[in-house]
């Protein structure tokens, strides 16, 4: 899985150990890590192109939000959630993420940690991300297809969704 790890420039200077620990823990589980430290010194056009590329390629995002020293952290987190990517927001005990607190999303997992439990908290968050990875897919069908699905589901003792999922999985298996 590909992970984009976001932390502020201030956090990196003050809590470099936290970033290192997160990096090492993710690499231990063979996550591919995209890491970028936000900076006011990078031209916006370059920053946005790089950022968009990272976000489109990653499966989820981890934000170390203890020190959102710029509005970038809150802005980026909001934009990432708007793109439908799951976000793990980690913050150090007593360092409430001010610019991010107003964000509410079913794809946002917020967790407080301290020096002794960072890896344990991260493991819990990674398990929660796995639950978010199953995607809901909605589409329109004609009344005829709906009636057919109802009949098949009744005959087979299944749901319409399970029947459609089975058709797709069979096609996936055939194409391998």
Protein backbone atom coordinates (compact mmCIF):
# COMPACT_ATOMS: atom_id res chain seq x y z
CA UNK A 1 0.00 0.00 0.00
CA UNK A 2 1.10 3.52 -0.70
CA UNK A 3 0.99 6.06 2.12
CA UNK A 4 1.45 9.80 1.96
CA UNK A 5 2.93 11.05 5.25
CA UNK A 6 2.36 14.71 5.96
CA UNK A 7 3.95 16.72 8.72
CA UNK A 8 4.65 20.40 9.20
CA UNK A 9 8.08 21.97 8.97
CA UNK A 10 7.83 23.00 12.62
CA UNK A 11 6.94 19.46 13.71
CA UNK A 12 9.88 18.06 11.85
CA UNK A 13 12.26 20.39 13.72
CA UNK A 14 10.70 19.83 17.15
CA UNK A 15 9.68 16.18 16.99
CA UNK A 16 11.96 14.60 14.40
CA UNK A 17 11.93 11.40 16.45
CA UNK A 18 8.16 11.05 15.88
CA UNK A 19 8.56 11.23 12.10
CA UNK A 20 11.39 8.71 12.19
CA UNK A 21 9.35 6.33 14.33
CA UNK A 22 6.32 6.58 12.03
CA UNK A 23 8.53 6.04 8.96
CA UNK A 24 10.28 3.02 10.44
CA UNK A 25 7.02 1.47 11.62
CA UNK A 26 5.40 1.81 8.19
CA UNK A 27 8.47 0.44 6.42
CA UNK A 28 8.46 -2.56 8.76
CA UNK A 29 5.05 -3.49 7.28
CA UNK A 30 6.32 -2.77 3.75
CA UNK A 31 4.22 0.30 3.10
CA UNK A 32 5.50 2.46 0.25
CA UNK A 33 5.99 5.88 1.76
CA UNK A 34 5.57 9.27 0.12
CA UNK A 35 6.85 11.89 2.48
CA UNK A 36 6.85 15.62 2.10
CA UNK A 37 7.30 18.39 4.60
CA UNK A 38 5.17 21.41 3.91
CA UNK A 39 7.12 24.56 3.33
CA UNK A 40 6.28 28.15 2.58
CA UNK A 41 9.41 28.38 0.42
CA UNK A 42 8.30 26.15 -2.45
CA UNK A 43 6.57 27.80 -5.44
CA UNK A 44 2.84 27.01 -5.27
CA UNK A 45 2.61 25.61 -8.79
CA UNK A 46 5.40 23.09 -8.12
CA UNK A 47 4.02 22.24 -4.70
CA UNK A 48 0.50 21.62 -6.02
CA UNK A 49 1.69 19.40 -8.90
CA UNK A 50 3.80 17.28 -6.57
CA UNK A 51 1.06 17.14 -3.96
CA UNK A 52 -1.64 16.15 -6.48
CA UNK A 53 0.56 13.36 -7.76
CA UNK A 54 1.18 12.01 -4.25
CA UNK A 55 -2.51 12.15 -3.34
CA UNK A 56 -3.72 10.46 -6.52
CA UNK A 57 -1.24 7.60 -6.08
CA UNK A 58 -1.59 6.95 -2.36
CA UNK A 59 -4.08 4.60 -0.71
CA UNK A 60 -4.36 6.71 2.43
CA UNK A 61 -2.67 9.58 4.25
CA UNK A 62 -1.10 9.90 7.67
CA UNK A 63 -0.95 13.41 9.10
CA UNK A 64 1.15 14.25 12.13
CA UNK A 65 -0.93 17.19 13.30
CA UNK A 66 0.57 18.06 16.68
CA UNK A 67 2.07 21.26 15.35
CA UNK A 68 0.09 22.65 12.45
CA UNK A 69 2.39 25.63 12.32
CA UNK A 70 0.90 26.79 9.06
CA UNK A 71 -2.53 26.53 7.65
CA UNK A 72 -1.13 24.03 5.14
CA UNK A 73 -1.77 21.06 7.41
CA UNK A 74 -5.46 21.88 7.89
CA UNK A 75 -5.91 22.88 4.26
CA UNK A 76 -4.18 19.79 2.91
CA UNK A 77 -6.08 17.48 5.23
CA UNK A 78 -9.40 19.01 4.12
CA UNK A 79 -8.46 18.74 0.44
CA UNK A 80 -7.33 15.14 0.87
CA UNK A 81 -10.63 14.22 2.51
CA UNK A 82 -12.53 15.99 -0.27
CA UNK A 83 -10.74 13.72 -2.74
CA UNK A 84 -12.11 10.71 -0.85
CA UNK A 85 -8.82 9.51 0.60
CA UNK A 86 -8.82 8.11 4.15
CA UNK A 87 -6.72 10.12 6.62
CA UNK A 88 -5.11 9.09 9.89
CA UNK A 89 -4.57 12.18 12.03
CA UNK A 90 -2.03 11.58 14.78
CA UNK A 91 -1.41 14.19 17.43
CA UNK A 92 0.73 14.25 20.51
CA UNK A 93 -1.01 14.33 23.90
CA UNK A 94 -1.79 17.94 24.91
CA UNK A 95 -1.09 19.20 21.37
CA UNK A 96 -4.62 19.39 20.04
CA UNK A 97 -4.58 20.00 16.25
CA UNK A 98 -6.28 23.40 16.18
CA UNK A 99 -6.56 23.87 12.40
CA UNK A 100 -7.94 20.37 11.93
CA UNK A 101 -10.38 20.02 14.83
CA UNK A 102 -13.34 21.31 12.83
CA UNK A 103 -12.95 18.60 10.16
CA UNK A 104 -15.46 15.77 10.41
CA UNK A 105 -15.51 12.91 7.96
CA UNK A 106 -16.18 9.20 8.06
CA UNK A 107 -12.77 8.83 6.39
CA UNK A 108 -10.92 10.70 9.15
CA UNK A 109 -9.39 8.70 12.01
CA UNK A 110 -8.09 10.95 14.81
CA UNK A 111 -5.82 9.48 17.46
CA UNK A 112 -3.85 10.94 20.31
CA UNK A 113 -0.52 9.35 21.22
CA UNK A 114 2.32 9.81 23.67
CA UNK A 115 5.99 8.82 23.67
CA UNK A 116 5.22 5.32 24.96
CA UNK A 117 2.39 4.25 22.64
CA UNK A 118 2.97 5.77 19.18
CA UNK A 119 3.48 2.44 17.40
CA UNK A 120 0.51 0.84 19.21
CA UNK A 121 -1.76 3.76 18.27
CA UNK A 122 -0.50 3.64 14.69
CA UNK A 123 -1.25 -0.11 14.50
CA UNK A 124 -4.81 0.51 15.68
CA UNK A 125 -5.23 3.26 13.08
CA UNK A 126 -3.89 1.02 10.31
CA UNK A 127 -6.47 -1.63 11.22
CA UNK A 128 -9.20 1.02 11.05
CA UNK A 129 -7.94 2.09 7.61
CA UNK A 130 -8.36 -1.49 6.38
CA UNK A 131 -12.03 -1.24 7.33
CA UNK A 132 -12.36 1.96 5.28
CA UNK A 133 -10.71 0.39 2.24
CA UNK A 134 -13.85 -1.49 1.24
CA UNK A 135 -15.52 0.91 -1.14
CA UNK A 136 -19.18 1.53 -1.72
CA UNK A 137 -20.13 1.67 -5.39
CA UNK A 138 -23.56 2.93 -6.41
CA UNK A 139 -25.05 2.95 -9.89
CA UNK A 140 -28.43 3.23 -11.58
CA UNK A 141 -30.27 0.21 -12.97
CA UNK A 142 -33.44 -0.21 -14.98
CA UNK A 143 -36.60 -1.66 -13.39
CA UNK A 144 -36.06 -4.83 -15.45
CA UNK A 145 -32.58 -5.35 -14.01
CA UNK A 146 -33.89 -4.64 -10.51
CA UNK A 147 -36.63 -7.30 -10.93
CA UNK A 148 -34.07 -9.80 -12.25
CA UNK A 149 -31.74 -9.13 -9.31
CA UNK A 150 -34.60 -9.55 -6.85
CA UNK A 151 -35.53 -12.92 -8.40
CA UNK A 152 -31.95 -14.21 -8.47
CA UNK A 153 -31.33 -13.06 -4.90
CA UNK A 154 -34.49 -14.84 -3.69
CA UNK A 155 -33.65 -18.04 -5.60
CA UNK A 156 -30.07 -18.16 -4.34
CA UNK A 157 -30.73 -16.92 -0.82
CA UNK A 158 -28.35 -14.01 -1.19
CA UNK A 159 -28.50 -10.24 -1.58
CA UNK A 160 -28.44 -8.34 -4.84
CA UNK A 161 -25.08 -6.84 -3.89
CA UNK A 162 -23.55 -10.24 -3.15
CA UNK A 163 -24.78 -11.57 -6.50
CA UNK A 164 -23.26 -8.63 -8.42
CA UNK A 165 -20.02 -8.85 -6.42
CA UNK A 166 -19.85 -12.57 -7.29
CA UNK A 167 -20.25 -11.81 -11.01
CA UNK A 168 -17.40 -9.31 -10.87
CA UNK A 169 -15.17 -11.65 -8.87
CA UNK A 170 -15.80 -14.44 -11.42
CA UNK A 171 -14.78 -12.11 -14.24
CA UNK A 172 -11.69 -11.06 -12.32
CA UNK A 173 -10.74 -14.72 -11.80
CA UNK A 174 -11.22 -15.49 -15.53
CA UNK A 175 -9.07 -12.57 -16.63
CA UNK A 176 -6.03 -13.68 -14.57
